[in-house]
Structures are given as C-alpha cells and as structure tokens.
Amino acid sequence: MRDFAIHLTHRPGELARVANALARKGVNLKSVAAVVIGNQGVLRLIADDVEAARAALNENNISFEENEVVTVLLENHAGELENVADKLAKANVNVHSIYVVGLDGNLVDLALAVDDPKKAKKLLE
C-alpha cells in the first residue's frame, strides 16, 4: 500500500481537478485527508490501484510525492496511538501521515506513511 501527497494551491477547483483525474482512471480511494495552511494545501490519499493513481496524476501534470505505508491493527481505546507513536519516536522514525483505513468492532486499522517503513514494520509487528 502507498500514499500520495499532493500539494495544491488553496483556491476553488484544485480538489476537483485531482478528483476528476483519478475518477477518469477509475481510481477508488481507500482513505483521504487534506489540510490547508495559508494559501497552500496538502491532499494525502491512499488509492485502491496505485498504478492507475500514479498514471492519472502524471497524465494530468499533477505533481505528487509517493510513500510506502505501514499498517497496524489497534484496539479502539485511549492510549493505543500513544503507544505506536512512542515506539516510532524512540526508534527515530518520523511520521508523515496517518490514515484510518478500516474499522471492525473494537479494532481500528491504521496506515502510516513514515520515513523508514522497514524499521516501522519491524517495530509494529
């Protein structure tokens, strides 16, 4: 699984431009998040089809960064994210983004884009 980070200008139509490019390639989103600070925004997403998402963005001249994500299944209660964050911090692994990719009863499936996926996978097994 991979995530895409897309830097956008904060103006009407920017999200629609990206969504349109992905939709035309039949890309479904597993998870998405966005934030705007000042005039700049960042859209982060996990697509169901990485190759199609990459092609859609490239064909529409939409620049992006791509990262491998690490998944972890946690119990849905206070302190679980703290435990994960603490393990990563102590191992000097930096987190770029976190997504909720699934909920099942009392379990939460998280995907994390980090600067060292191999180390993170080992820590979170």
N, C-alpha and C. Protein backbone atom coordinates (compact mmCIF):
# COMPACT_ATOMS: atom_id res chain seq x y z
N MET A 1 0.86 -1.17 0.00
CA MET A 1 0.00 0.00 0.00
C MET A 1 0.91 1.23 0.00
N ARG A 2 0.47 2.27 -0.72
CA ARG A 2 1.26 3.50 -0.83
C ARG A 2 0.35 4.71 -0.64
N ASP A 3 0.95 5.82 -0.22
CA ASP A 3 0.16 7.04 -0.15
C ASP A 3 0.73 8.06 -1.10
N PHE A 4 -0.13 8.97 -1.50
CA PHE A 4 0.24 10.06 -2.40
C PHE A 4 0.02 11.38 -1.67
N ALA A 5 1.02 12.23 -1.67
CA ALA A 5 0.90 13.58 -1.09
C ALA A 5 0.92 14.56 -2.26
N ILE A 6 -0.15 15.33 -2.36
CA ILE A 6 -0.32 16.26 -3.48
C ILE A 6 -0.44 17.67 -2.92
N HIS A 7 0.52 18.53 -3.29
CA HIS A 7 0.50 19.92 -2.83
C HIS A 7 -0.36 20.74 -3.79
N LEU A 8 -1.30 21.48 -3.21
CA LEU A 8 -2.25 22.26 -4.01
C LEU A 8 -2.27 23.71 -3.54
N THR A 9 -2.62 24.59 -4.46
CA THR A 9 -2.89 25.98 -4.09
C THR A 9 -4.30 26.03 -3.52
N HIS A 10 -4.48 26.83 -2.49
CA HIS A 10 -5.79 26.93 -1.84
C HIS A 10 -6.69 27.86 -2.65
N ARG A 11 -7.38 27.26 -3.63
CA ARG A 11 -8.33 28.02 -4.45
C ARG A 11 -9.38 27.05 -4.99
N PRO A 12 -10.54 27.59 -5.33
CA PRO A 12 -11.62 26.73 -5.84
C PRO A 12 -11.18 25.92 -7.06
N GLY A 13 -11.55 24.65 -7.07
CA GLY A 13 -11.30 23.80 -8.23
C GLY A 13 -10.09 22.89 -8.12
N GLU A 14 -9.20 23.15 -7.18
CA GLU A 14 -7.99 22.34 -7.08
C GLU A 14 -8.32 20.89 -6.69
N LEU A 15 -9.15 20.70 -5.69
CA LEU A 15 -9.55 19.36 -5.30
C LEU A 15 -10.31 18.68 -6.43
N ALA A 16 -11.18 19.41 -7.09
CA ALA A 16 -11.96 18.85 -8.19
C ALA A 16 -11.06 18.39 -9.33
N ARG A 17 -9.99 19.13 -9.60
CA ARG A 17 -9.04 18.77 -10.67
C ARG A 17 -8.40 17.42 -10.37
N VAL A 18 -7.99 17.22 -9.14
CA VAL A 18 -7.36 15.95 -8.76
C VAL A 18 -8.39 14.82 -8.76
N ALA A 19 -9.55 15.08 -8.16
CA ALA A 19 -10.60 14.06 -8.10
C ALA A 19 -11.04 13.64 -9.50
N ASN A 20 -11.13 14.60 -10.41
CA ASN A 20 -11.52 14.29 -11.78
C ASN A 20 -10.49 13.40 -12.46
N ALA A 21 -9.21 13.70 -12.28
CA ALA A 21 -8.14 12.90 -12.89
C ALA A 21 -8.20 11.46 -12.39
N LEU A 22 -8.40 11.29 -11.09
CA LEU A 22 -8.46 9.95 -10.52
C LEU A 22 -9.72 9.21 -10.96
N ALA A 23 -10.83 9.91 -10.98
CA ALA A 23 -12.11 9.28 -11.37
C ALA A 23 -12.06 8.78 -12.81
N ARG A 24 -11.45 9.57 -13.70
CA ARG A 24 -11.37 9.16 -15.11
C ARG A 24 -10.56 7.88 -15.30
N LYS A 25 -9.66 7.58 -14.37
CA LYS A 25 -8.88 6.34 -14.42
C LYS A 25 -9.53 5.23 -13.58
N GLY A 26 -10.70 5.53 -12.98
CA GLY A 26 -11.40 4.53 -12.19
C GLY A 26 -10.77 4.25 -10.84
N VAL A 27 -10.04 5.22 -10.30
CA VAL A 27 -9.35 5.04 -9.02
C VAL A 27 -10.33 5.29 -7.87
N ASN A 28 -10.45 4.31 -7.00
CA ASN A 28 -11.25 4.44 -5.79
C ASN A 28 -10.31 4.76 -4.64
N LEU A 29 -10.76 5.60 -3.71
CA LEU A 29 -9.92 5.98 -2.59
C LEU A 29 -10.23 5.13 -1.36
N LYS A 30 -9.18 4.59 -0.75
CA LYS A 30 -9.33 3.82 0.48
C LYS A 30 -9.37 4.75 1.68
N SER A 31 -8.62 5.86 1.59
CA SER A 31 -8.60 6.86 2.65
C SER A 31 -8.07 8.16 2.07
N VAL A 32 -8.54 9.27 2.64
CA VAL A 32 -8.12 10.58 2.15
C VAL A 32 -8.12 11.58 3.31
N ALA A 33 -7.20 12.52 3.25
CA ALA A 33 -7.12 13.60 4.25
C ALA A 33 -6.58 14.83 3.54
N ALA A 34 -6.97 16.00 4.03
CA ALA A 34 -6.47 17.24 3.45
C ALA A 34 -6.41 18.30 4.53
N VAL A 35 -5.48 19.22 4.36
CA VAL A 35 -5.35 20.35 5.27
C VAL A 35 -4.84 21.55 4.48
N VAL A 36 -5.28 22.73 4.89
CA VAL A 36 -4.84 23.97 4.27
C VAL A 36 -4.22 24.85 5.34
N ILE A 37 -3.08 25.42 5.03
CA ILE A 37 -2.44 26.42 5.89
C ILE A 37 -2.09 27.59 4.99
N GLY A 38 -2.72 28.71 5.27
CA GLY A 38 -2.49 29.89 4.42
C GLY A 38 -3.01 29.65 3.02
N ASN A 39 -2.14 29.82 2.03
CA ASN A 39 -2.53 29.64 0.63
C ASN A 39 -2.17 28.27 0.07
N GLN A 40 -1.62 27.39 0.90
CA GLN A 40 -1.19 26.09 0.44
C GLN A 40 -1.97 24.97 1.12
N GLY A 41 -2.27 23.95 0.33
CA GLY A 41 -2.96 22.79 0.86
C GLY A 41 -2.19 21.53 0.54
N VAL A 42 -2.44 20.50 1.31
CA VAL A 42 -1.88 19.18 1.03
C VAL A 42 -3.02 18.19 1.07
N LEU A 43 -3.15 17.45 0.00
CA LEU A 43 -4.12 16.37 -0.11
C LEU A 43 -3.31 15.09 -0.03
N ARG A 44 -3.66 14.21 0.90
CA ARG A 44 -2.99 12.92 1.02
C ARG A 44 -4.03 11.84 0.83
N LEU A 45 -3.67 10.81 0.07
CA LEU A 45 -4.64 9.76 -0.21
C LEU A 45 -3.99 8.41 -0.38
N ILE A 46 -4.78 7.40 -0.10
CA ILE A 46 -4.41 6.01 -0.39
C ILE A 46 -5.42 5.52 -1.42
N ALA A 47 -4.91 5.09 -2.56
CA ALA A 47 -5.76 4.64 -3.66
C ALA A 47 -5.83 3.12 -3.68
N ASP A 48 -6.93 2.59 -4.21
CA ASP A 48 -7.07 1.14 -4.33
C ASP A 48 -6.19 0.58 -5.43
N ASP A 49 -5.80 1.40 -6.39
CA ASP A 49 -4.97 0.97 -7.51
C ASP A 49 -3.83 1.98 -7.66
N VAL A 50 -2.67 1.62 -7.13
CA VAL A 50 -1.52 2.53 -7.11
C VAL A 50 -1.07 2.90 -8.52
N GLU A 51 -0.99 1.93 -9.40
CA GLU A 51 -0.53 2.20 -10.76
C GLU A 51 -1.46 3.16 -11.49
N ALA A 52 -2.77 2.95 -11.35
CA ALA A 52 -3.74 3.82 -12.01
C ALA A 52 -3.70 5.23 -11.41
N ALA A 53 -3.54 5.33 -10.10
CA ALA A 53 -3.45 6.65 -9.46
C ALA A 53 -2.22 7.39 -9.93
N ARG A 54 -1.09 6.71 -9.96
CA ARG A 54 0.16 7.31 -10.42
C ARG A 54 0.01 7.79 -11.87
N ALA A 55 -0.58 6.95 -12.72
CA ALA A 55 -0.78 7.32 -14.13
C ALA A 55 -1.71 8.52 -14.25
N ALA A 56 -2.79 8.53 -13.49
CA ALA A 56 -3.75 9.65 -13.55
C ALA A 56 -3.09 10.96 -13.18
N LEU A 57 -2.30 10.94 -12.12
CA LEU A 57 -1.63 12.16 -11.68
C LEU A 57 -0.58 12.61 -12.69
N ASN A 58 0.22 11.67 -13.18
CA ASN A 58 1.25 12.01 -14.17
C ASN A 58 0.64 12.55 -15.46
N GLU A 59 -0.39 11.88 -15.96
CA GLU A 59 -1.03 12.30 -17.22
C GLU A 59 -1.66 13.68 -17.14
N ASN A 60 -2.01 14.10 -15.93
CA ASN A 60 -2.65 15.41 -15.75
C ASN A 60 -1.69 16.44 -15.16
N ASN A 61 -0.40 16.12 -15.21
CA ASN A 61 0.65 17.04 -14.72
C ASN A 61 0.39 17.51 -13.30
N ILE A 62 -0.05 16.59 -12.46
CA ILE A 62 -0.28 16.88 -11.05
C ILE A 62 0.91 16.30 -10.29
N SER A 63 1.72 17.18 -9.72
CA SER A 63 2.91 16.69 -9.02
C SER A 63 2.52 16.07 -7.68
N PHE A 64 3.29 15.09 -7.28
CA PHE A 64 2.99 14.35 -6.05
C PHE A 64 4.25 13.72 -5.50
N GLU A 65 4.17 13.36 -4.23
CA GLU A 65 5.18 12.54 -3.57
C GLU A 65 4.50 11.23 -3.21
N GLU A 66 5.24 10.17 -3.26
CA GLU A 66 4.67 8.85 -3.01
C GLU A 66 5.48 8.14 -1.94
N ASN A 67 4.78 7.52 -0.99
CA ASN A 67 5.45 6.82 0.11
C ASN A 67 4.81 5.46 0.36
N GLU A 68 5.63 4.52 0.77
CA GLU A 68 5.11 3.24 1.24
C GLU A 68 4.44 3.47 2.58
N VAL A 69 3.34 2.77 2.84
CA VAL A 69 2.70 2.87 4.15
C VAL A 69 2.80 1.55 4.89
N VAL A 70 2.79 1.66 6.20
CA VAL A 70 2.84 0.52 7.11
C VAL A 70 1.49 0.45 7.80
N THR A 71 0.92 -0.73 7.90
CA THR A 71 -0.38 -0.85 8.55
C THR A 71 -0.22 -1.50 9.93
N VAL A 72 -1.13 -1.11 10.81
CA VAL A 72 -1.15 -1.67 12.15
C VAL A 72 -2.60 -1.73 12.62
N LEU A 73 -2.95 -2.82 13.24
CA LEU A 73 -4.31 -3.02 13.77
C LEU A 73 -4.27 -2.78 15.27
N LEU A 74 -5.08 -1.82 15.73
CA LEU A 74 -5.08 -1.44 17.14
C LEU A 74 -6.47 -1.61 17.75
N GLU A 75 -6.49 -1.80 19.06
CA GLU A 75 -7.76 -1.75 19.77
C GLU A 75 -8.20 -0.30 19.81
N ASN A 76 -9.50 -0.07 19.73
CA ASN A 76 -10.05 1.28 19.68
C ASN A 76 -10.28 1.80 21.10
N HIS A 77 -9.17 2.17 21.77
CA HIS A 77 -9.32 2.79 23.08
C HIS A 77 -8.14 3.72 23.36
N ALA A 78 -8.31 4.58 24.34
CA ALA A 78 -7.32 5.60 24.67
C ALA A 78 -5.95 4.98 24.92
N GLY A 79 -4.93 5.62 24.39
CA GLY A 79 -3.55 5.21 24.63
C GLY A 79 -2.92 4.37 23.54
N GLU A 80 -3.72 3.80 22.65
CA GLU A 80 -3.16 2.93 21.61
C GLU A 80 -2.28 3.72 20.63
N LEU A 81 -2.75 4.87 20.17
CA LEU A 81 -1.94 5.69 19.26
C LEU A 81 -0.68 6.18 19.98
N GLU A 82 -0.82 6.50 21.24
CA GLU A 82 0.35 6.94 22.02
C GLU A 82 1.42 5.86 22.02
N ASN A 83 1.03 4.60 22.21
CA ASN A 83 1.99 3.50 22.22
C ASN A 83 2.72 3.38 20.88
N VAL A 84 1.98 3.48 19.80
CA VAL A 84 2.58 3.41 18.46
C VAL A 84 3.53 4.58 18.25
N ALA A 85 3.04 5.79 18.55
CA ALA A 85 3.86 6.99 18.35
C ALA A 85 5.13 6.94 19.19
N ASP A 86 5.03 6.44 20.41
CA ASP A 86 6.18 6.35 21.29
C ASP A 86 7.22 5.37 20.75
N LYS A 87 6.78 4.20 20.29
CA LYS A 87 7.70 3.22 19.69
C LYS A 87 8.44 3.82 18.51
N LEU A 88 7.71 4.49 17.64
CA LEU A 88 8.33 5.09 16.45
C LEU A 88 9.30 6.20 16.84
N ALA A 89 8.90 7.03 17.78
CA ALA A 89 9.76 8.14 18.22
C ALA A 89 11.06 7.62 18.82
N LYS A 90 10.96 6.61 19.68
CA LYS A 90 12.16 6.06 20.32
C LYS A 90 13.11 5.43 19.31
N ALA A 91 12.58 4.98 18.18
CA ALA A 91 13.40 4.40 17.12
C ALA A 91 13.80 5.45 16.08
N ASN A 92 13.46 6.71 16.33
CA ASN A 92 13.78 7.83 15.44
C ASN A 92 13.13 7.68 14.06
N VAL A 93 11.92 7.15 14.03
CA VAL A 93 11.14 7.04 12.80
C VAL A 93 10.17 8.21 12.75
N ASN A 94 10.24 8.99 11.68
CA ASN A 94 9.39 10.16 11.53
C ASN A 94 8.11 9.80 10.77
N VAL A 95 6.96 10.28 11.27
CA VAL A 95 5.66 10.01 10.66
C VAL A 95 5.27 11.16 9.74
N HIS A 96 4.93 10.84 8.48
CA HIS A 96 4.46 11.84 7.52
C HIS A 96 2.95 12.00 7.56
N SER A 97 2.25 10.88 7.71
CA SER A 97 0.79 10.92 7.76
C SER A 97 0.26 9.63 8.37
N ILE A 98 -0.98 9.74 8.88
CA ILE A 98 -1.68 8.59 9.46
C ILE A 98 -3.08 8.59 8.89
N TYR A 99 -3.56 7.41 8.52
CA TYR A 99 -4.90 7.25 7.98
C TYR A 99 -5.65 6.16 8.73
N VAL A 100 -6.94 6.33 8.89
CA VAL A 100 -7.80 5.23 9.30
C VAL A 100 -8.24 4.56 8.00
N VAL A 101 -7.91 3.28 7.84
CA VAL A 101 -8.29 2.57 6.62
C VAL A 101 -9.34 1.50 6.87
N GLY A 102 -9.70 1.31 8.15
CA GLY A 102 -10.74 0.34 8.44
C GLY A 102 -11.14 0.36 9.90
N LEU A 103 -12.39 0.01 10.13
CA LEU A 103 -12.93 -0.14 11.48
C LEU A 103 -13.67 -1.47 11.51
N ASP A 104 -13.45 -2.25 12.57
CA ASP A 104 -14.14 -3.51 12.72
C ASP A 104 -14.37 -3.76 14.19
N GLY A 105 -15.59 -3.52 14.63
CA GLY A 105 -15.89 -3.68 16.04
C GLY A 105 -15.05 -2.76 16.88
N ASN A 106 -14.22 -3.34 17.74
CA ASN A 106 -13.37 -2.56 18.62
C ASN A 106 -11.94 -2.43 18.09
N LEU A 107 -11.77 -2.65 16.78
CA LEU A 107 -10.45 -2.56 16.18
C LEU A 107 -10.40 -1.45 15.15
N VAL A 108 -9.25 -0.80 15.08
CA VAL A 108 -9.00 0.27 14.11
C VAL A 108 -7.78 -0.13 13.29
N ASP A 109 -7.91 -0.10 11.97
CA ASP A 109 -6.81 -0.40 11.07
C ASP A 109 -6.22 0.92 10.62
N LEU A 110 -4.96 1.17 11.01
CA LEU A 110 -4.28 2.40 10.64
C LEU A 110 -3.22 2.14 9.59
N ALA A 111 -3.01 3.12 8.72
CA ALA A 111 -1.91 3.11 7.77
C ALA A 111 -1.06 4.33 8.06
N LEU A 112 0.24 4.13 8.15
CA LEU A 112 1.17 5.21 8.47
C LEU A 112 2.20 5.35 7.36
N ALA A 113 2.36 6.56 6.85
CA ALA A 113 3.45 6.86 5.94
C ALA A 113 4.59 7.39 6.80
N VAL A 114 5.73 6.72 6.74
CA VAL A 114 6.86 7.06 7.60
C VAL A 114 8.14 7.15 6.77
N ASP A 115 9.19 7.72 7.37
CA ASP A 115 10.44 7.87 6.62
C ASP A 115 11.27 6.59 6.56
N ASP A 116 10.94 5.60 7.38
CA ASP A 116 11.66 4.32 7.36
C ASP A 116 10.66 3.17 7.52
N PRO A 117 9.96 2.81 6.43
CA PRO A 117 8.92 1.77 6.51
C PRO A 117 9.44 0.42 7.02
N LYS A 118 10.63 0.05 6.63
CA LYS A 118 11.18 -1.24 7.04
C LYS A 118 11.35 -1.30 8.55
N LYS A 119 11.90 -0.26 9.14
CA LYS A 119 12.08 -0.20 10.58
C LYS A 119 10.73 -0.15 11.29
N ALA A 120 9.79 0.64 10.75
CA ALA A 120 8.46 0.77 11.35
C ALA A 120 7.73 -0.57 11.35
N LYS A 121 7.80 -1.31 10.24
CA LYS A 121 7.14 -2.61 10.17
C LYS A 121 7.65 -3.53 11.27
N LYS A 122 8.96 -3.56 11.44
CA LYS A 122 9.57 -4.42 12.45
C LYS A 122 9.12 -4.00 13.85
N LEU A 123 9.06 -2.70 14.12
CA LEU A 123 8.66 -2.21 15.43
C LEU A 123 7.19 -2.51 15.75
N LEU A 124 6.34 -2.49 14.73
CA LEU A 124 4.90 -2.58 14.94
C LEU A 124 4.35 -3.99 14.75
N GLU A 125 5.20 -4.97 14.50
CA GLU A 125 4.73 -6.35 14.31
C GLU A 125 4.08 -6.88 15.57
